[in-house]
Amino acid sequence: MTATAIHVREVGPRDGFQNEPEIIATDDKVRLVELLARTGLRRMEVTSFVRADVIPQLADGPEVLARAEIPEEVAVSVLVPNERGLDKALELRDRFDEVSVFLSASEAHNRANVNRSIEESLQGLERVVPRAREAGLRCVAVVATSFGCPYEGAVAPERVFAIACRLVDAGAQEIGFGDTTGMANPRQVRSFFEQAADALDGVQLTAHFHNTRGQGLANAVAALDAGCASFESSFGELGGCPVPAGATGNIATEDLVSMLHEMGYETGIDLGAVLEASREAQRVLGRPLGSHTLVAGPVDWRDG
């Protein structure tokens, strides 16, 4: 029997790096991106076109994107917050294949994150997405706080799906659902993705879990059981959410890939190569990272 293929998009170079307090040298970023690009990953988010005063860590994003040597078979994505960000990104149009846009499903988090209401964000993205599509770019729309908000608490799935439908109507081909501060639980996740498959029939659905409270991989399994076959993760468990404090990293790519392989799924990713990239990131940052597989190593099934 052929194993089911699961798609994994690496977001560490954007979502991971942006949360590091000390500026990472451009040369180190380029080297880490190139290591990741040779792990068998087929999709990778490399940077974000945001104002340098908002996220200083990614001020060199255009240079990283221009310099990194990435195999043609790897689809490169960049995150853009608005039309100005898209304008900047399009200056390097030949260096990437996909654009990600984002907003939150809770008013309070959206205000804290981008200083806009949900409606204001939607209206802006309804201009960005068609322009990105016209430029020949695949468009991914990410809905943050899809499973709960640290300020508002519960977020109704119906609200999330209504936002997602507007983004699909604008031209988004894929919707990512973010557990931005790690509030989701497996039972909730399974129900959510079962409902999402009905509400967004024919749209690629992607799960983005954080391991803030240690439930990231359990939530990934719950999403798998509900039919989700696309995930975002970050090597070394880098990442988090700038608001609020304590929202720690994404699930580690190597932990996710290790689990998927042990469960019989195919990813096309070389686990050892991802671990090599995470070890290099650990050296660059000068501190231990949160990945469990980085500490324990891959599972070693020995005869006898």
C-alpha atoms as a PDB file:
ATOM      1  CA  MET A   1       0.000   0.000   0.000  1.00  0.00           C
ATOM      2  CA  THR A   2       1.350   3.448  -0.930  1.00  0.00           C
ATOM      3  CA  ALA A   3       1.846   5.738   2.051  1.00  0.00           C
ATOM      4  CA  THR A   4      -0.215   8.922   2.177  1.00  0.00           C
ATOM      5  CA  ALA A   5       1.790  12.043   1.276  1.00  0.00           C
ATOM      6  CA  ILE A   6       1.732  14.925   3.726  1.00  0.00           C
ATOM      7  CA  HIS A   7       2.862  18.417   2.733  1.00  0.00           C
ATOM      8  CA  VAL A   8       5.070  20.372   5.147  1.00  0.00           C
ATOM      9  CA  ARG A   9       5.893  24.048   4.632  1.00  0.00           C
ATOM     10  CA  GLU A  10       8.913  25.333   6.571  1.00  0.00           C
ATOM     11  CA  VAL A  11       8.280  28.776   8.083  1.00  0.00           C
ATOM     12  CA  GLY A  12      11.302  29.099  10.366  1.00  0.00           C
ATOM     13  CA  PRO A  13      13.218  31.651   8.280  1.00  0.00           C
ATOM     14  CA  ARG A  14      10.276  34.034   8.646  1.00  0.00           C
ATOM     15  CA  ASP A  15       8.114  33.040  11.599  1.00  0.00           C
ATOM     16  CA  GLY A  16      11.080  31.734  13.571  1.00  0.00           C
ATOM     17  CA  PHE A  17      13.686  34.408  12.912  1.00  0.00           C
ATOM     18  CA  GLN A  18      11.286  37.325  13.487  1.00  0.00           C
ATOM     19  CA  ASN A  19      10.923  36.403  17.155  1.00  0.00           C
ATOM     20  CA  GLU A  20      14.636  36.287  17.952  1.00  0.00           C
ATOM     21  CA  PRO A  21      15.700  39.214  20.178  1.00  0.00           C
ATOM     22  CA  GLU A  22      19.269  39.436  18.847  1.00  0.00           C
ATOM     23  CA  ILE A  23      19.784  40.350  15.198  1.00  0.00           C
ATOM     24  CA  ILE A  24      20.918  37.326  13.185  1.00  0.00           C
ATOM     25  CA  ALA A  25      23.659  38.098  10.662  1.00  0.00           C
ATOM     26  CA  THR A  26      22.511  38.058   7.047  1.00  0.00           C
ATOM     27  CA  ASP A  27      25.207  35.540   6.115  1.00  0.00           C
ATOM     28  CA  ASP A  28      23.893  33.171   8.790  1.00  0.00           C
ATOM     29  CA  LYS A  29      20.316  33.554   7.565  1.00  0.00           C
ATOM     30  CA  VAL A  30      21.338  32.813   3.992  1.00  0.00           C
ATOM     31  CA  ARG A  31      23.274  29.723   5.086  1.00  0.00           C
ATOM     32  CA  LEU A  32      20.387  28.394   7.163  1.00  0.00           C
ATOM     33  CA  VAL A  33      17.890  28.979   4.343  1.00  0.00           C
ATOM     34  CA  GLU A  34      20.166  27.119   1.933  1.00  0.00           C
ATOM     35  CA  LEU A  35      20.542  24.202   4.361  1.00  0.00           C
ATOM     36  CA  LEU A  36      16.758  23.944   4.701  1.00  0.00           C
ATOM     37  CA  ALA A  37      16.290  24.190   0.945  1.00  0.00           C
ATOM     38  CA  ARG A  38      18.291  20.978   0.539  1.00  0.00           C
ATOM     39  CA  THR A  39      16.377  18.837   3.013  1.00  0.00           C
ATOM     40  CA  GLY A  40      13.701  17.664   0.589  1.00  0.00           C
ATOM     41  CA  LEU A  41      11.235  20.340   1.661  1.00  0.00           C
ATOM     42  CA  ARG A  42       9.135  21.494  -1.281  1.00  0.00           C
ATOM     43  CA  ARG A  43       7.748  24.697   0.237  1.00  0.00           C
ATOM     44  CA  MET A  44       9.457  27.283   2.417  1.00  0.00           C
ATOM     45  CA  GLU A  45       8.571  30.741   3.691  1.00  0.00           C
ATOM     46  CA  VAL A  46      11.788  32.743   3.508  1.00  0.00           C
ATOM     47  CA  THR A  47      10.955  36.233   4.766  1.00  0.00           C
ATOM     48  CA  SER A  48       8.368  38.970   5.218  1.00  0.00           C
ATOM     49  CA  PHE A  49       8.077  42.355   3.541  1.00  0.00           C
ATOM     50  CA  VAL A  50       7.215  44.370   6.621  1.00  0.00           C
ATOM     51  CA  ARG A  51       8.539  47.727   7.777  1.00  0.00           C
ATOM     52  CA  ALA A  52      12.002  47.460   9.315  1.00  0.00           C
ATOM     53  CA  ASP A  53      10.919  49.478  12.351  1.00  0.00           C
ATOM     54  CA  VAL A  54       8.148  46.963  13.041  1.00  0.00           C
ATOM     55  CA  ILE A  55      10.274  43.801  12.709  1.00  0.00           C
ATOM     56  CA  PRO A  56      13.969  44.832  12.622  1.00  0.00           C
ATOM     57  CA  GLN A  57      15.043  41.176  12.484  1.00  0.00           C
ATOM     58  CA  LEU A  58      13.695  40.891   8.923  1.00  0.00           C
ATOM     59  CA  ALA A  59      14.998  44.220   7.632  1.00  0.00           C
ATOM     60  CA  ASP A  60      17.447  42.278   5.462  1.00  0.00           C
ATOM     61  CA  GLY A  61      14.688  40.093   4.006  1.00  0.00           C
ATOM     62  CA  PRO A  62      15.135  41.331   0.428  1.00  0.00           C
ATOM     63  CA  GLU A  63      18.864  40.628   0.597  1.00  0.00           C
ATOM     64  CA  VAL A  64      18.338  37.137   2.018  1.00  0.00           C
ATOM     65  CA  LEU A  65      15.787  36.415  -0.696  1.00  0.00           C
ATOM     66  CA  ALA A  66      18.097  37.721  -3.425  1.00  0.00           C
ATOM     67  CA  ARG A  67      21.201  35.880  -2.228  1.00  0.00           C
ATOM     68  CA  ALA A  68      19.934  32.474  -1.097  1.00  0.00           C
ATOM     69  CA  GLU A  69      20.516  29.719  -3.653  1.00  0.00           C
ATOM     70  CA  ILE A  70      17.345  27.643  -3.546  1.00  0.00           C
ATOM     71  CA  PRO A  71      16.670  24.675  -5.854  1.00  0.00           C
ATOM     72  CA  GLU A  72      13.967  25.263  -8.446  1.00  0.00           C
ATOM     73  CA  GLU A  73      11.796  22.471  -7.062  1.00  0.00           C
ATOM     74  CA  VAL A  74      11.353  24.383  -3.780  1.00  0.00           C
ATOM     75  CA  ALA A  75       8.414  26.796  -3.860  1.00  0.00           C
ATOM     76  CA  VAL A  76       9.493  29.963  -2.053  1.00  0.00           C
ATOM     77  CA  SER A  77       6.906  32.083  -0.268  1.00  0.00           C
ATOM     78  CA  VAL A  78       7.043  35.529   1.317  1.00  0.00           C
ATOM     79  CA  LEU A  79       4.626  37.117   3.727  1.00  0.00           C
ATOM     80  CA  VAL A  80       3.142  40.523   2.895  1.00  0.00           C
ATOM     81  CA  PRO A  81       1.022  42.527   5.354  1.00  0.00           C
ATOM     82  CA  ASN A  82      -0.548  44.996   2.914  1.00  0.00           C
ATOM     83  CA  GLU A  83      -0.316  46.572  -0.540  1.00  0.00           C
ATOM     84  CA  ARG A  84       2.877  48.418   0.304  1.00  0.00           C
ATOM     85  CA  GLY A  85       4.479  45.131   1.312  1.00  0.00           C
ATOM     86  CA  LEU A  86       3.312  43.533  -1.925  1.00  0.00           C
ATOM     87  CA  ASP A  87       4.802  46.414  -3.919  1.00  0.00           C
ATOM     88  CA  LYS A  88       8.174  45.843  -2.230  1.00  0.00           C
ATOM     89  CA  ALA A  89       7.969  42.092  -2.761  1.00  0.00           C
ATOM     90  CA  LEU A  90       7.162  42.422  -6.452  1.00  0.00           C
ATOM     91  CA  GLU A  91      10.500  44.178  -6.966  1.00  0.00           C
ATOM     92  CA  LEU A  92      11.989  40.698  -6.457  1.00  0.00           C
ATOM     93  CA  ARG A  93       9.205  38.825  -8.242  1.00  0.00           C
ATOM     94  CA  ASP A  94      11.594  36.352  -9.901  1.00  0.00           C
ATOM     95  CA  ARG A  95      12.859  35.130  -6.510  1.00  0.00           C
ATOM     96  CA  PHE A  96       9.619  33.667  -5.107  1.00  0.00           C
ATOM     97  CA  ASP A  97       6.515  31.729  -6.105  1.00  0.00           C
ATOM     98  CA  GLU A  98       3.924  32.311  -3.395  1.00  0.00           C
ATOM     99  CA  VAL A  99       2.596  35.122  -1.240  1.00  0.00           C
ATOM    100  CA  SER A 100       1.125  34.674   2.223  1.00  0.00           C
ATOM    101  CA  VAL A 101      -1.274  37.204   3.718  1.00  0.00           C
ATOM    102  CA  PHE A 102      -2.669  37.181   7.230  1.00  0.00           C
ATOM    103  CA  LEU A 103      -5.138  38.535   9.731  1.00  0.00           C
ATOM    104  CA  SER A 104      -6.583  37.374  13.043  1.00  0.00           C
ATOM    105  CA  ALA A 105      -9.990  35.858  13.733  1.00  0.00           C
ATOM    106  CA  SER A 106     -10.332  37.898  16.934  1.00  0.00           C
ATOM    107  CA  GLU A 107     -10.737  41.669  16.977  1.00  0.00           C
ATOM    108  CA  ALA A 108      -8.517  42.158  20.011  1.00  0.00           C
ATOM    109  CA  HIS A 109      -5.598  40.178  18.611  1.00  0.00           C
ATOM    110  CA  ASN A 110      -5.901  41.799  15.193  1.00  0.00           C
ATOM    111  CA  ARG A 111      -5.777  45.226  16.842  1.00  0.00           C
ATOM    112  CA  ALA A 112      -2.760  44.249  18.934  1.00  0.00           C
ATOM    113  CA  ASN A 113      -0.972  42.705  15.965  1.00  0.00           C
ATOM    114  CA  VAL A 114      -1.661  45.084  13.057  1.00  0.00           C
ATOM    115  CA  ASN A 115      -3.675  47.935  14.643  1.00  0.00           C
ATOM    116  CA  ARG A 116      -6.695  47.290  12.436  1.00  0.00           C
ATOM    117  CA  SER A 117     -10.164  45.867  12.830  1.00  0.00           C
ATOM    118  CA  ILE A 118     -10.873  42.547  11.127  1.00  0.00           C
ATOM    119  CA  GLU A 119     -13.018  44.337   8.538  1.00  0.00           C
ATOM    120  CA  GLU A 120     -10.256  46.837   7.784  1.00  0.00           C
ATOM    121  CA  SER A 121      -7.781  43.982   7.345  1.00  0.00           C
ATOM    122  CA  LEU A 122     -10.156  42.061   5.107  1.00  0.00           C
ATOM    123  CA  GLN A 123     -10.776  45.058   2.880  1.00  0.00           C
ATOM    124  CA  GLY A 124      -7.035  45.554   2.495  1.00  0.00           C
ATOM    125  CA  LEU A 125      -6.386  41.893   1.717  1.00  0.00           C
ATOM    126  CA  GLU A 126      -9.234  41.872  -0.780  1.00  0.00           C
ATOM    127  CA  ARG A 127      -7.046  44.277  -2.757  1.00  0.00           C
ATOM    128  CA  VAL A 128      -3.748  42.468  -2.122  1.00  0.00           C
ATOM    129  CA  VAL A 129      -4.844  38.948  -3.071  1.00  0.00           C
ATOM    130  CA  PRO A 130      -6.151  39.750  -6.578  1.00  0.00           C
ATOM    131  CA  ARG A 131      -2.999  41.749  -7.331  1.00  0.00           C
ATOM    132  CA  ALA A 132      -0.809  38.849  -6.227  1.00  0.00           C
ATOM    133  CA  ARG A 133      -2.798  36.460  -8.399  1.00  0.00           C
ATOM    134  CA  GLU A 134      -2.502  38.824 -11.369  1.00  0.00           C
ATOM    135  CA  ALA A 135       1.279  38.704 -10.892  1.00  0.00           C
ATOM    136  CA  GLY A 136       1.123  34.927 -11.316  1.00  0.00           C
ATOM    137  CA  LEU A 137       1.653  34.133  -7.643  1.00  0.00           C
ATOM    138  CA  ARG A 138      -0.021  31.409  -5.636  1.00  0.00           C
ATOM    139  CA  CYS A 139      -1.760  33.020  -2.657  1.00  0.00           C
ATOM    140  CA  VAL A 140      -2.030  31.579   0.847  1.00  0.00           C
ATOM    141  CA  ALA A 141      -4.220  33.325   3.426  1.00  0.00           C
ATOM    142  CA  VAL A 142      -3.507  32.632   7.099  1.00  0.00           C
ATOM    143  CA  VAL A 143      -6.147  33.205   9.768  1.00  0.00           C
ATOM    144  CA  ALA A 144      -4.431  33.636  13.136  1.00  0.00           C
ATOM    145  CA  THR A 145      -6.090  32.815  16.484  1.00  0.00           C
ATOM    146  CA  SER A 146      -8.379  30.358  14.703  1.00  0.00           C
ATOM    147  CA  PHE A 147      -8.604  28.151  17.785  1.00  0.00           C
ATOM    148  CA  GLY A 148      -8.688  30.739  20.542  1.00  0.00           C
ATOM    149  CA  CYS A 149      -7.542  34.232  21.488  1.00  0.00           C
ATOM    150  CA  PRO A 150      -5.472  35.152  24.568  1.00  0.00           C
ATOM    151  CA  TYR A 151      -7.547  38.345  24.928  1.00  0.00           C
ATOM    152  CA  GLU A 152     -11.046  37.213  23.953  1.00  0.00           C
ATOM    153  CA  GLY A 153     -10.959  33.506  24.786  1.00  0.00           C
ATOM    154  CA  ALA A 154     -13.047  31.230  22.572  1.00  0.00           C
ATOM    155  CA  VAL A 155     -13.320  32.024  18.859  1.00  0.00           C
ATOM    156  CA  ALA A 156     -16.342  30.580  17.069  1.00  0.00           C
ATOM    157  CA  PRO A 157     -15.383  28.389  14.094  1.00  0.00           C
ATOM    158  CA  GLU A 158     -18.186  30.024  12.108  1.00  0.00           C
ATOM    159  CA  ARG A 159     -16.406  33.375  12.433  1.00  0.00           C
ATOM    160  CA  VAL A 160     -13.154  31.825  11.208  1.00  0.00           C
ATOM    161  CA  PHE A 161     -14.834  30.177   8.225  1.00  0.00           C
ATOM    162  CA  ALA A 162     -16.646  33.401   7.262  1.00  0.00           C
ATOM    163  CA  ILE A 163     -13.304  35.218   7.160  1.00  0.00           C
ATOM    164  CA  ALA A 164     -11.737  32.375   5.187  1.00  0.00           C
ATOM    165  CA  CYS A 165     -14.582  32.384   2.650  1.00  0.00           C
ATOM    166  CA  ARG A 166     -14.062  36.069   1.931  1.00  0.00           C
ATOM    167  CA  LEU A 167     -10.365  35.449   1.345  1.00  0.00           C
ATOM    168  CA  VAL A 168     -11.150  32.540  -0.977  1.00  0.00           C
ATOM    169  CA  ASP A 169     -13.617  34.736  -2.849  1.00  0.00           C
ATOM    170  CA  ALA A 170     -10.799  37.278  -3.244  1.00  0.00           C
ATOM    171  CA  GLY A 171      -8.624  34.603  -4.858  1.00  0.00           C
ATOM    172  CA  ALA A 172      -6.749  32.804  -2.058  1.00  0.00           C
ATOM    173  CA  GLN A 173      -6.035  29.204  -3.093  1.00  0.00           C
ATOM    174  CA  GLU A 174      -5.044  27.939   0.341  1.00  0.00           C
ATOM    175  CA  ILE A 175      -6.190  28.792   3.850  1.00  0.00           C
ATOM    176  CA  GLY A 176      -3.924  28.326   6.853  1.00  0.00           C
ATOM    177  CA  PHE A 177      -5.473  28.106  10.306  1.00  0.00           C
ATOM    178  CA  GLY A 178      -3.137  29.294  13.056  1.00  0.00           C
ATOM    179  CA  ASP A 179      -3.154  28.239  16.690  1.00  0.00           C
ATOM    180  CA  THR A 180      -1.192  31.402  17.303  1.00  0.00           C
ATOM    181  CA  THR A 181      -0.697  31.151  21.053  1.00  0.00           C
ATOM    182  CA  GLY A 182      -1.088  27.406  21.524  1.00  0.00           C
ATOM    183  CA  MET A 183      -4.617  27.317  22.925  1.00  0.00           C
ATOM    184  CA  ALA A 184      -6.027  24.439  20.860  1.00  0.00           C
ATOM    185  CA  ASN A 185      -6.697  20.914  22.094  1.00  0.00           C
ATOM    186  CA  PRO A 186      -6.959  17.733  19.969  1.00  0.00           C
ATOM    187  CA  ARG A 187     -10.715  17.217  20.336  1.00  0.00           C
ATOM    188  CA  GLN A 188     -11.344  20.826  19.301  1.00  0.00           C
ATOM    189  CA  VAL A 189      -8.933  20.539  16.360  1.00  0.00           C
ATOM    190  CA  ARG A 190     -10.540  17.415  14.965  1.00  0.00           C
ATOM    191  CA  SER A 191     -14.012  18.964  15.060  1.00  0.00           C
ATOM    192  CA  PHE A 192     -12.691  22.198  13.555  1.00  0.00           C
ATOM    193  CA  PHE A 193     -11.099  20.548  10.517  1.00  0.00           C
ATOM    194  CA  GLU A 194     -14.113  18.339   9.932  1.00  0.00           C
ATOM    195  CA  GLN A 195     -16.252  21.491   9.778  1.00  0.00           C
ATOM    196  CA  ALA A 196     -13.651  23.361   7.710  1.00  0.00           C
ATOM    197  CA  ALA A 197     -13.676  20.652   5.038  1.00  0.00           C
ATOM    198  CA  ASP A 198     -17.417  21.231   4.580  1.00  0.00           C
ATOM    199  CA  ALA A 199     -17.282  25.030   4.787  1.00  0.00           C
ATOM    200  CA  LEU A 200     -14.346  25.345   2.353  1.00  0.00           C
ATOM    201  CA  ASP A 201     -14.861  22.446  -0.010  1.00  0.00           C
ATOM    202  CA  GLY A 202     -12.123  22.231  -2.646  1.00  0.00           C
ATOM    203  CA  VAL A 203      -9.754  24.652  -0.886  1.00  0.00           C
ATOM    204  CA  GLN A 204      -6.376  23.447   0.396  1.00  0.00           C
ATOM    205  CA  LEU A 205      -6.453  23.634   4.196  1.00  0.00           C
ATOM    206  CA  THR A 206      -3.255  23.955   6.209  1.00  0.00           C
ATOM    207  CA  ALA A 207      -2.708  23.608   9.959  1.00  0.00           C
ATOM    208  CA  HIS A 208      -0.281  25.847  11.832  1.00  0.00           C
ATOM    209  CA  PHE A 209       0.197  24.748  15.435  1.00  0.00           C
ATOM    210  CA  HIS A 210       2.306  26.167  18.231  1.00  0.00           C
ATOM    211  CA  ASN A 211       3.697  24.073  21.043  1.00  0.00           C
ATOM    212  CA  THR A 212       3.150  26.724  23.711  1.00  0.00           C
ATOM    213  CA  ARG A 213       1.400  24.305  26.062  1.00  0.00           C
ATOM    214  CA  GLY A 214       2.919  21.078  24.765  1.00  0.00           C
ATOM    215  CA  GLN A 215      -0.044  19.986  22.633  1.00  0.00           C
ATOM    216  CA  GLY A 216       1.294  20.837  19.184  1.00  0.00           C
ATOM    217  CA  LEU A 217       1.940  17.319  17.879  1.00  0.00           C
ATOM    218  CA  ALA A 218      -1.238  15.940  19.457  1.00  0.00           C
ATOM    219  CA  ASN A 219      -3.142  18.643  17.604  1.00  0.00           C
ATOM    220  CA  ALA A 220      -1.361  17.710  14.380  1.00  0.00           C
ATOM    221  CA  VAL A 221      -2.534  14.103  14.764  1.00  0.00           C
ATOM    222  CA  ALA A 222      -6.084  15.301  15.391  1.00  0.00           C
ATOM    223  CA  ALA A 223      -5.932  17.394  12.203  1.00  0.00           C
ATOM    224  CA  LEU A 224      -4.581  14.379  10.305  1.00  0.00           C
ATOM    225  CA  ASP A 225      -7.450  12.238  11.558  1.00  0.00           C
ATOM    226  CA  ALA A 226      -9.870  14.879  10.249  1.00  0.00           C
ATOM    227  CA  GLY A 227      -8.287  14.726   6.787  1.00  0.00           C
ATOM    228  CA  CYS A 228      -5.826  17.625   6.889  1.00  0.00           C
ATOM    229  CA  ALA A 229      -2.752  16.820   4.792  1.00  0.00           C
ATOM    230  CA  SER A 230      -0.866  20.130   4.917  1.00  0.00           C
ATOM    231  CA  PHE A 231       1.097  21.612   7.828  1.00  0.00           C
ATOM    232  CA  GLU A 232       3.377  24.516   8.642  1.00  0.00           C
ATOM    233  CA  SER A 233       6.254  24.054  11.065  1.00  0.00           C
ATOM    234  CA  SER A 234       9.533  25.646  12.075  1.00  0.00           C
ATOM    235  CA  PHE A 235      12.920  23.960  12.371  1.00  0.00           C
ATOM    236  CA  GLY A 236      14.258  23.812  15.916  1.00  0.00           C
ATOM    237  CA  GLU A 237      10.822  24.859  17.247  1.00  0.00           C
ATOM    238  CA  LEU A 238      11.747  28.471  16.546  1.00  0.00           C
ATOM    239  CA  GLY A 239       9.008  31.065  16.495  1.00  0.00           C
ATOM    240  CA  GLY A 240       6.093  32.247  18.551  1.00  0.00           C
ATOM    241  CA  CYS A 241       3.852  35.289  18.521  1.00  0.00           C
ATOM    242  CA  PRO A 242       5.118  38.823  19.260  1.00  0.00           C
ATOM    243  CA  VAL A 243       1.886  39.468  21.161  1.00  0.00           C
ATOM    244  CA  PRO A 244       1.284  38.487  23.932  1.00  0.00           C
ATOM    245  CA  ALA A 245       4.239  37.444  26.081  1.00  0.00           C
ATOM    246  CA  GLY A 246       4.759  33.709  26.600  1.00  0.00           C
ATOM    247  CA  ALA A 247       3.530  32.570  23.178  1.00  0.00           C
ATOM    248  CA  THR A 248       6.412  30.257  22.388  1.00  0.00           C
ATOM    249  CA  GLY A 249       7.480  28.463  19.249  1.00  0.00           C
ATOM    250  CA  ASN A 250       5.821  26.572  16.445  1.00  0.00           C
ATOM    251  CA  ILE A 251       5.935  22.797  16.373  1.00  0.00           C
ATOM    252  CA  ALA A 252       9.413  21.733  15.306  1.00  0.00           C
ATOM    253  CA  THR A 253       9.738  20.563  11.715  1.00  0.00           C
ATOM    254  CA  GLU A 254      11.959  17.668  12.754  1.00  0.00           C
ATOM    255  CA  ASP A 255       9.496  16.568  15.477  1.00  0.00           C
ATOM    256  CA  LEU A 256       6.603  16.697  13.004  1.00  0.00           C
ATOM    257  CA  VAL A 257       8.521  14.861  10.276  1.00  0.00           C
ATOM    258  CA  SER A 258       9.800  12.225  12.711  1.00  0.00           C
ATOM    259  CA  MET A 259       6.271  11.556  13.945  1.00  0.00           C
ATOM    260  CA  LEU A 260       4.794  11.439  10.437  1.00  0.00           C
ATOM    261  CA  HIS A 261       7.441   8.995   9.231  1.00  0.00           C
ATOM    262  CA  GLU A 262       6.921   6.761  12.259  1.00  0.00           C
ATOM    263  CA  MET A 263       3.192   6.753  11.494  1.00  0.00           C
ATOM    264  CA  GLY A 264       3.818   5.641   7.918  1.00  0.00           C
ATOM    265  CA  TYR A 265       3.254   8.945   6.109  1.00  0.00           C
ATOM    266  CA  GLU A 266       5.503  10.208   3.323  1.00  0.00           C
ATOM    267  CA  THR A 267       6.896  13.759   3.371  1.00  0.00           C
ATOM    268  CA  GLY A 268       9.862  13.559   1.003  1.00  0.00           C
ATOM    269  CA  ILE A 269      11.939  15.242   3.713  1.00  0.00           C
ATOM    270  CA  ASP A 270      15.327  14.023   4.925  1.00  0.00           C
ATOM    271  CA  LEU A 271      15.005  14.119   8.722  1.00  0.00           C
ATOM    272  CA  GLY A 272      18.761  14.013   9.232  1.00  0.00           C
ATOM    273  CA  ALA A 273      19.216  17.049   6.992  1.00  0.00           C
ATOM    274  CA  VAL A 274      16.605  19.025   8.945  1.00  0.00           C
ATOM    275  CA  LEU A 275      18.386  18.120  12.177  1.00  0.00           C
ATOM    276  CA  GLU A 276      21.633  19.372  10.672  1.00  0.00           C
ATOM    277  CA  ALA A 277      19.963  22.720   9.910  1.00  0.00           C
ATOM    278  CA  SER A 278      18.573  22.921  13.447  1.00  0.00           C
ATOM    279  CA  ARG A 279      21.966  22.141  14.964  1.00  0.00           C
ATOM    280  CA  GLU A 280      23.438  24.961  12.892  1.00  0.00           C
ATOM    281  CA  ALA A 281      20.666  27.315  14.043  1.00  0.00           C
ATOM    282  CA  GLN A 282      21.402  26.320  17.626  1.00  0.00           C
ATOM    283  CA  ARG A 283      25.066  27.184  17.087  1.00  0.00           C
ATOM    284  CA  VAL A 284      24.233  30.532  15.457  1.00  0.00           C
ATOM    285  CA  LEU A 285      21.827  31.521  18.234  1.00  0.00           C
ATOM    286  CA  GLY A 286      24.084  30.244  20.994  1.00  0.00           C
ATOM    287  CA  ARG A 287      21.361  28.512  22.973  1.00  0.00           C
ATOM    288  CA  PRO A 288      19.517  25.179  23.097  1.00  0.00           C
ATOM    289  CA  LEU A 289      16.391  24.983  20.954  1.00  0.00           C
ATOM    290  CA  GLY A 290      13.079  23.413  21.932  1.00  0.00           C
ATOM    291  CA  SER A 291      12.992  20.546  19.441  1.00  0.00           C
ATOM    292  CA  HIS A 292      12.709  17.129  21.107  1.00  0.00           C
ATOM    293  CA  THR A 293      14.184  15.205  18.183  1.00  0.00           C
ATOM    294  CA  LEU A 294      17.171  17.553  18.191  1.00  0.00           C
ATOM    295  CA  VAL A 295      17.927  16.347  21.726  1.00  0.00           C
ATOM    296  CA  ALA A 296      16.934  12.673  21.477  1.00  0.00           C
ATOM    297  CA  GLY A 297      17.770  11.971  17.838  1.00  0.00           C
ATOM    298  CA  PRO A 298      15.624   9.968  15.403  1.00  0.00           C
ATOM    299  CA  VAL A 299      13.963   6.772  16.543  1.00  0.00           C
ATOM    300  CA  ASP A 300      16.382   3.877  16.120  1.00  0.00           C
ATOM    301  CA  TRP A 301      14.559   0.575  15.540  1.00  0.00           C
ATOM    302  CA  ARG A 302      17.185  -2.118  16.121  1.00  0.00           C
ATOM    303  CA  ASP A 303      16.756  -5.792  15.429  1.00  0.00           C
ATOM    304  CA  GLY A 304      16.265  -7.879  18.546  1.00  0.00           C
END
